[in-house]
Amino acid sequence: MKIDKTTVKSLPLFKDMNDADLDVFLDHASIRRVAQGEPVFKQAQQADNFFLLLNGRLKVTQVTGDGQQVIVRVVHPGELFGFAVALQRPDYPGTAQAAIESEVLVWPSELWSQLIECNGRAAVSAIQTMGKQLEDAHTRIREMSTQEVERRVAHAILRLSLLAGRKGGGGIEIAFPISRQDIAEMTGTTLHTVSRVLSAWEAQGLVECGRQKVIVRDLDGLSRLAEGTRG
């Protein structure tokens, strides 16, 4: 599949790269379409490539030592992911799976140094991505250590509505399929508990839930609940 240089050039990661460097870099890239539910890579697989999401959404999961699966990140369009080479890892620490049909740019891992050398923005983006992942991890650890389940679930849904929400129909719908099991894996709780919480919120008019669908109906009310100030 031919790579549209205009589309790539419009991405924040590449907008400061000159055309000659971009052409060279794209000569080594390929586009991969990933069907919904298909993995881009799996946990512990050898990290031969790094990636950038062109469109769609990805869920990155990890299986812990005791066999529990957790969602550690949602990848949004324009974001780098799978750059284990930058962490000096030989393998991927998690599994990246398409939440909806997606397209990714793929480069061999050995080109990572070249990307950093000819594109300072890529280095900044990688550092920012790693910093955000670390911050998110600290936030989730703090929430799981200090907050009751309701507040943790509220925070998770609010973060998703901010990063992947689309307005319409009297609310903000998360723009990719999200199940109650997904939310449980994001918040360190059980499917039963998430189902009970969301059912209560639906009765209160805070959210509307369907099969792999969440719509925030009362953003202010959910925000107050997340902060522990809702009466």
Protein backbone atom coordinates (compact mmCIF):
# COMPACT_ATOMS: atom_id res chain seq x y z
CA MET A 1 0.00 0.00 0.00
CA LYS A 2 1.39 3.41 -1.00
CA ILE A 3 2.06 5.81 1.86
CA ASP A 4 0.47 9.24 1.45
CA LYS A 5 3.29 11.64 2.34
CA THR A 6 0.83 14.52 2.75
CA THR A 7 -1.07 12.62 5.44
CA VAL A 8 2.10 11.66 7.26
CA LYS A 9 3.50 15.19 7.00
CA SER A 10 0.39 16.52 8.74
CA LEU A 11 1.10 14.44 11.85
CA PRO A 12 2.75 16.41 14.68
CA LEU A 13 5.57 13.86 14.82
CA PHE A 14 6.72 14.61 11.26
CA LYS A 15 5.65 18.18 10.54
CA ASP A 16 9.14 19.61 11.20
CA MET A 17 11.00 16.96 9.19
CA ASN A 18 12.24 18.18 5.81
CA ASP A 19 10.96 16.44 2.69
CA ALA A 20 14.26 14.73 1.89
CA ASP A 21 14.57 13.13 5.33
CA LEU A 22 10.87 12.21 5.30
CA ASP A 23 11.21 10.53 1.91
CA VAL A 24 14.16 8.47 3.12
CA PHE A 25 12.36 7.49 6.28
CA LEU A 26 9.13 6.55 4.49
CA ASP A 27 11.11 4.42 2.03
CA HIS A 28 11.74 2.07 4.96
CA ALA A 29 8.16 2.13 6.24
CA SER A 30 5.17 -0.01 5.45
CA ILE A 31 1.49 0.35 6.21
CA ARG A 32 -0.33 -2.46 7.92
CA ARG A 33 -4.07 -2.75 8.27
CA VAL A 34 -5.13 -4.42 11.49
CA ALA A 35 -8.60 -5.92 11.77
CA GLN A 36 -10.61 -5.39 14.94
CA GLY A 37 -9.40 -7.82 17.58
CA GLU A 38 -6.16 -8.62 15.74
CA PRO A 39 -2.86 -8.07 17.58
CA VAL A 40 -0.17 -5.83 16.13
CA PHE A 41 2.28 -7.68 18.37
CA LYS A 42 2.09 -9.92 21.42
CA GLN A 43 3.66 -9.77 24.84
CA ALA A 44 7.16 -11.31 24.94
CA GLN A 45 7.37 -11.38 21.11
CA GLN A 46 10.74 -10.27 19.74
CA ALA A 47 10.65 -6.51 19.16
CA ASP A 48 11.63 -6.35 15.49
CA ASN A 49 9.60 -3.21 14.72
CA PHE A 50 8.25 0.02 16.12
CA PHE A 51 5.01 1.68 15.06
CA LEU A 52 2.87 4.76 14.70
CA LEU A 53 -0.92 4.60 14.70
CA LEU A 54 -2.38 6.36 11.65
CA ASN A 55 -6.04 5.76 12.46
CA GLY A 56 -8.15 3.56 14.68
CA ARG A 57 -7.57 2.67 18.35
CA LEU A 58 -5.42 0.06 20.06
CA LYS A 59 -5.55 -1.48 23.52
CA VAL A 60 -2.24 -2.46 25.09
CA THR A 61 -2.57 -5.25 27.66
CA GLN A 62 -0.19 -7.09 29.94
CA VAL A 63 -0.59 -10.45 31.65
CA THR A 64 0.84 -10.33 35.15
CA GLY A 65 2.84 -13.07 36.84
CA ASP A 66 -0.30 -14.43 38.49
CA GLY A 67 -2.15 -14.61 35.16
CA GLN A 68 -4.28 -11.47 35.49
CA GLN A 69 -4.73 -9.38 32.36
CA VAL A 70 -4.66 -5.59 32.71
CA ILE A 71 -5.10 -2.82 30.16
CA VAL A 72 -2.10 -0.54 30.56
CA ARG A 73 -2.67 1.89 27.69
CA VAL A 74 -5.00 2.94 24.90
CA VAL A 75 -3.13 4.11 21.77
CA HIS A 76 -4.71 7.03 19.89
CA PRO A 77 -4.05 8.21 16.28
CA GLY A 78 -0.69 9.92 15.78
CA GLU A 79 0.99 8.17 18.73
CA LEU A 80 4.15 6.09 18.66
CA PHE A 81 3.99 2.66 20.27
CA GLY A 82 5.92 -0.57 20.45
CA PHE A 83 9.30 1.17 20.68
CA ALA A 84 10.84 -1.44 22.96
CA VAL A 85 14.18 -0.59 21.34
CA ALA A 86 14.11 2.80 23.09
CA LEU A 87 13.78 0.96 26.41
CA GLN A 88 16.65 -1.36 25.43
CA ARG A 89 14.27 -4.33 25.58
CA PRO A 90 14.57 -7.26 23.17
CA ASP A 91 10.84 -8.03 23.44
CA TYR A 92 7.50 -6.24 23.71
CA PRO A 93 6.33 -5.79 27.32
CA GLY A 94 2.65 -6.08 26.35
CA THR A 95 0.19 -7.00 23.60
CA ALA A 96 -1.18 -4.28 21.29
CA GLN A 97 -4.60 -5.25 19.90
CA ALA A 98 -6.89 -3.30 17.59
CA ALA A 99 -10.03 -2.11 19.38
CA ILE A 100 -11.41 -1.14 15.97
CA GLU A 101 -10.04 -1.59 12.45
CA SER A 102 -6.79 0.35 12.41
CA GLU A 103 -3.84 1.32 10.22
CA VAL A 104 -0.29 1.50 11.51
CA LEU A 105 3.02 2.61 10.07
CA VAL A 106 5.73 0.00 10.66
CA TRP A 107 9.51 0.47 10.76
CA PRO A 108 12.33 -1.97 11.55
CA SER A 109 13.67 -1.40 15.06
CA GLU A 110 17.18 -0.77 13.75
CA LEU A 111 15.92 2.51 12.23
CA TRP A 112 15.00 3.94 15.63
CA SER A 113 18.37 5.70 16.07
CA GLN A 114 18.09 7.20 12.60
CA LEU A 115 14.62 8.56 13.36
CA ILE A 116 15.87 10.19 16.55
CA GLU A 117 18.95 11.66 14.86
CA CYS A 118 17.09 13.27 11.94
CA ASN A 119 13.92 14.23 13.81
CA GLY A 120 14.23 15.86 17.19
CA ARG A 121 10.45 15.92 17.46
CA ALA A 122 10.44 12.11 17.39
CA ALA A 123 12.80 12.03 20.36
CA VAL A 124 10.60 14.49 22.23
CA SER A 125 7.48 12.50 21.32
CA ALA A 126 9.03 9.26 22.56
CA ILE A 127 10.10 10.89 25.82
CA GLN A 128 6.65 12.44 26.26
CA THR A 129 4.96 9.11 25.54
CA MET A 130 7.13 7.28 28.06
CA GLY A 131 6.60 10.08 30.58
CA LYS A 132 2.84 9.96 30.10
CA GLN A 133 2.81 6.18 30.51
CA LEU A 134 4.79 6.52 33.74
CA GLU A 135 2.49 9.26 35.00
CA ASP A 136 -0.59 7.21 34.10
CA ALA A 137 0.86 4.19 35.89
CA HIS A 138 1.52 6.26 39.02
CA THR A 139 -2.00 7.70 38.86
CA ARG A 140 -3.60 4.28 38.56
CA ILE A 141 -1.47 2.86 41.38
CA ARG A 142 -2.49 5.79 43.57
CA GLU A 143 -6.15 5.37 42.66
CA MET A 144 -6.12 1.63 43.34
CA SER A 145 -4.32 2.19 46.65
CA THR A 146 -6.46 5.03 47.98
CA GLN A 147 -9.80 5.19 46.17
CA GLU A 148 -12.93 3.11 46.28
CA VAL A 149 -13.98 1.30 43.12
CA GLU A 150 -16.65 3.82 42.08
CA ARG A 151 -14.12 6.65 41.91
CA ARG A 152 -11.59 4.53 40.01
CA VAL A 153 -14.18 3.57 37.40
CA ALA A 154 -15.32 7.18 37.10
CA HIS A 155 -11.74 8.37 36.52
CA ALA A 156 -11.17 5.70 33.85
CA ILE A 157 -14.33 6.63 31.92
CA LEU A 158 -13.56 10.34 32.19
CA ARG A 159 -10.06 9.81 30.78
CA LEU A 160 -11.45 7.84 27.85
CA SER A 161 -14.15 10.43 27.15
CA LEU A 162 -11.49 13.16 27.10
CA LEU A 163 -9.11 11.34 24.75
CA ALA A 164 -11.57 9.41 22.57
CA GLY A 165 -14.96 10.99 23.13
CA ARG A 166 -17.31 12.33 20.48
CA LYS A 167 -20.28 14.54 21.29
CA GLY A 168 -23.74 13.72 20.07
CA GLY A 169 -27.08 12.38 21.11
CA GLY A 170 -27.11 14.23 24.39
CA GLY A 171 -23.81 12.92 25.67
CA ILE A 172 -20.20 11.99 24.99
CA GLU A 173 -19.70 8.56 23.46
CA ILE A 174 -16.36 6.78 23.74
CA ALA A 175 -15.45 6.38 20.07
CA PHE A 176 -14.39 2.75 20.09
CA PRO A 177 -15.89 -0.45 21.52
CA ILE A 178 -15.33 -0.62 25.26
CA SER A 179 -16.66 -3.50 27.31
CA ARG A 180 -17.29 -3.79 31.03
CA GLN A 181 -14.47 -6.32 31.14
CA ASP A 182 -12.16 -3.71 29.58
CA ILE A 183 -13.08 -1.23 32.30
CA ALA A 184 -12.48 -3.88 34.95
CA GLU A 185 -9.01 -4.52 33.50
CA MET A 186 -8.27 -0.78 33.53
CA THR A 187 -9.28 -0.30 37.14
CA GLY A 188 -8.07 -3.45 38.87
CA THR A 189 -11.49 -4.75 39.79
CA THR A 190 -13.93 -7.45 38.69
CA LEU A 191 -16.48 -7.64 35.90
CA HIS A 192 -19.23 -8.13 38.49
CA THR A 193 -18.26 -4.96 40.36
CA VAL A 194 -18.04 -2.83 37.20
CA SER A 195 -21.43 -4.13 36.03
CA ARG A 196 -22.99 -3.24 39.39
CA VAL A 197 -21.47 0.26 39.36
CA LEU A 198 -22.48 1.04 35.77
CA SER A 199 -26.02 -0.24 36.30
CA ALA A 200 -26.39 2.09 39.30
CA TRP A 201 -25.04 5.01 37.27
CA GLU A 202 -27.45 4.28 34.43
CA ALA A 203 -30.34 4.46 36.90
CA GLN A 204 -28.99 7.84 38.07
CA GLY A 205 -28.67 9.19 34.51
CA LEU A 206 -24.87 9.51 34.64
CA VAL A 207 -24.10 7.11 31.80
CA GLU A 208 -25.75 4.96 29.17
CA CYS A 209 -24.20 1.58 28.43
CA GLY A 210 -24.79 -0.93 25.67
CA ARG A 211 -22.88 -3.84 24.25
CA GLN A 212 -19.30 -2.53 24.15
CA LYS A 213 -20.59 1.04 24.31
CA VAL A 214 -20.40 3.76 26.96
CA ILE A 215 -22.01 7.20 26.66
CA VAL A 216 -21.43 9.80 29.38
CA ARG A 217 -24.77 11.55 29.90
CA ASP A 218 -23.82 13.76 32.87
CA LEU A 219 -20.18 14.80 32.62
CA ASP A 220 -20.32 17.17 35.58
CA GLY A 221 -22.01 14.58 37.78
CA LEU A 222 -19.47 11.91 36.86
CA SER A 223 -16.62 14.38 37.48
CA ARG A 224 -17.96 15.17 40.94
CA LEU A 225 -18.25 11.47 41.71
CA ALA A 226 -14.66 10.89 40.55
CA GLU A 227 -13.44 13.64 42.88
CA GLY A 228 -15.51 12.34 45.76
CA THR A 229 -17.64 15.50 46.03
CA ARG A 230 -20.97 14.22 44.73
CA GLY A 231 -23.71 14.32 47.33
